[in-house]
Amino acid sequence: MNLPKDFKYSEEHEWVKTEDGKVRIGITDFAQSELGDIVFVELPEVGDEIEADEPFGSVESVKTVSELYAPISGKVVEVNGELEDSPEFVNESPFEKAWMIIVEPSDASEIDNLMTAEQYEEMIKED
């Protein structure tokens, strides 16, 4: 399983990568493998505000529909529109092609509350 060390992770299986004061968000390799083949991704629109620990979208697989939970609060500044036509990117490339949104954090210190790759790995081993 791929777990980039420079990312942060939420208990709800989202990853966060800080880039130039903004935050790129997607779902983890573990999450996509548990969900199975992704057939649809629903994301917020640019300009939407998201709240930490609140749903901001969903992914639908052949097995189930799963909410996406915001790991931090902020304003959506970019959305990965490619996922609308190619939801399979979530399975193929959860950390590169399948990033979901880029957010301008309203409180950057929220990132400090997220897990390191090592902490996330421990959490999923216990599940």
Protein backbone atom coordinates (compact mmCIF):
# COMPACT_ATOMS: atom_id res chain seq x y z
CA MET A 1 0.00 0.00 0.00
CA ASN A 2 1.23 3.45 -0.94
CA LEU A 3 1.46 6.00 1.92
CA PRO A 4 3.45 9.11 1.01
CA LYS A 5 5.39 10.20 4.09
CA ASP A 6 5.04 13.95 3.42
CA PHE A 7 1.21 13.79 3.45
CA LYS A 8 -1.11 13.96 6.47
CA TYR A 9 -4.09 11.63 6.95
CA SER A 10 -7.53 11.78 8.54
CA GLU A 11 -9.41 9.10 10.47
CA GLU A 12 -11.95 9.16 7.62
CA HIS A 13 -9.24 8.06 5.13
CA GLU A 14 -8.59 11.34 3.36
CA TRP A 15 -5.06 12.53 2.62
CA VAL A 16 -3.80 16.11 2.74
CA LYS A 17 -0.81 17.57 0.95
CA THR A 18 0.23 21.14 1.72
CA GLU A 19 1.35 23.15 -1.33
CA ASP A 20 2.17 26.87 -1.25
CA GLY A 21 -0.27 27.62 1.57
CA LYS A 22 -3.08 25.62 -0.03
CA VAL A 23 -4.10 22.05 0.67
CA ARG A 24 -4.71 19.29 -1.88
CA ILE A 25 -7.15 16.59 -0.68
CA GLY A 26 -8.01 13.09 -1.88
CA ILE A 27 -8.77 9.62 -0.52
CA THR A 28 -6.14 7.11 0.51
CA ASP A 29 -4.99 3.99 -1.26
CA PHE A 30 -6.49 1.98 1.61
CA ALA A 31 -9.89 3.69 1.18
CA GLN A 32 -10.08 3.09 -2.57
CA SER A 33 -9.11 -0.59 -2.13
CA GLU A 34 -11.83 -1.06 0.51
CA LEU A 35 -14.45 0.64 -1.68
CA GLY A 36 -13.71 -1.35 -4.83
CA ASP A 37 -14.25 -0.02 -8.36
CA ILE A 38 -15.20 3.67 -8.21
CA VAL A 39 -17.94 4.55 -10.73
CA PHE A 40 -18.89 8.12 -9.71
CA VAL A 41 -17.37 11.00 -7.75
CA GLU A 42 -19.40 13.98 -6.46
CA LEU A 43 -17.38 17.02 -5.44
CA PRO A 44 -18.16 20.57 -4.25
CA GLU A 45 -17.83 23.60 -6.52
CA VAL A 46 -15.09 26.22 -6.57
CA GLY A 47 -15.98 28.86 -3.99
CA ASP A 48 -17.77 26.45 -1.65
CA GLU A 49 -16.76 26.51 2.01
CA ILE A 50 -16.02 23.17 3.66
CA GLU A 51 -15.95 22.44 7.39
CA ALA A 52 -13.55 20.02 9.10
CA ASP A 53 -15.17 16.64 9.81
CA GLU A 54 -18.23 17.50 7.67
CA PRO A 55 -19.11 15.82 4.34
CA PHE A 56 -17.93 17.67 1.22
CA GLY A 57 -18.81 15.09 -1.44
CA SER A 58 -19.10 11.39 -2.06
CA VAL A 59 -17.65 8.50 -4.02
CA GLU A 60 -19.80 5.74 -5.41
CA SER A 61 -18.38 2.29 -6.02
CA VAL A 62 -19.98 -0.87 -7.32
CA LYS A 63 -20.37 -1.85 -3.62
CA THR A 64 -21.52 1.32 -1.87
CA VAL A 65 -21.73 5.11 -1.68
CA SER A 66 -19.31 6.68 0.78
CA GLU A 67 -19.23 10.26 2.07
CA LEU A 68 -16.02 12.27 1.78
CA TYR A 69 -15.22 14.13 5.02
CA ALA A 70 -13.26 17.36 5.04
CA PRO A 71 -9.99 16.92 6.94
CA ILE A 72 -9.75 20.71 7.37
CA SER A 73 -11.97 23.79 6.99
CA GLY A 74 -11.59 26.28 4.17
CA LYS A 75 -12.63 27.54 0.76
CA VAL A 76 -12.51 25.28 -2.30
CA VAL A 77 -10.26 26.98 -4.88
CA GLU A 78 -9.92 24.13 -7.37
CA VAL A 79 -11.81 20.91 -8.19
CA ASN A 80 -10.47 17.96 -10.16
CA GLY A 81 -13.00 17.95 -13.01
CA GLU A 82 -11.31 14.95 -14.64
CA LEU A 83 -12.87 12.69 -12.01
CA GLU A 84 -16.34 13.40 -13.44
CA ASP A 85 -15.44 11.61 -16.69
CA SER A 86 -12.77 9.28 -15.24
CA PRO A 87 -13.78 8.18 -11.73
CA GLU A 88 -11.54 5.11 -12.18
CA PHE A 89 -8.54 7.40 -11.53
CA VAL A 90 -9.41 7.04 -7.83
CA ASN A 91 -8.55 3.34 -8.05
CA GLU A 92 -5.63 3.73 -10.46
CA SER A 93 -3.85 6.71 -8.93
CA PRO A 94 -5.31 7.91 -5.59
CA PHE A 95 -2.39 10.24 -4.82
CA GLU A 96 -1.56 11.68 -8.24
CA LYS A 97 -4.38 11.76 -10.83
CA ALA A 98 -7.24 11.42 -8.34
CA TRP A 99 -6.72 14.40 -6.05
CA MET A 100 -10.21 15.76 -5.45
CA ILE A 101 -10.09 19.38 -4.31
CA ILE A 102 -7.65 22.14 -3.43
CA VAL A 103 -8.61 24.23 -0.42
CA GLU A 104 -7.44 27.54 0.99
CA PRO A 105 -7.45 26.67 4.70
CA SER A 106 -9.32 28.97 7.06
CA ASP A 107 -7.19 27.66 9.95
CA ALA A 108 -3.90 26.06 8.85
CA SER A 109 -3.29 24.74 12.38
CA GLU A 110 -6.02 22.12 11.75
CA ILE A 111 -3.44 20.27 9.65
CA ASP A 112 -1.47 19.62 12.85
CA ASN A 113 -4.41 17.55 14.15
CA LEU A 114 -4.08 15.05 11.30
CA MET A 115 -2.05 11.83 11.41
CA THR A 116 1.38 11.15 9.99
CA ALA A 117 1.77 8.26 7.55
CA GLU A 118 3.04 6.09 10.43
CA GLN A 119 0.08 6.94 12.66
CA TYR A 120 -2.39 6.29 9.82
CA GLU A 121 -0.73 2.95 9.05
CA GLU A 122 -1.13 1.93 12.71
CA MET A 123 -4.80 2.93 12.64
CA ILE A 124 -5.66 0.86 9.58
CA LYS A 125 -3.77 -2.16 10.94
CA GLU A 126 -6.08 -2.09 13.96
CA ASP A 127 -9.26 -2.06 11.83
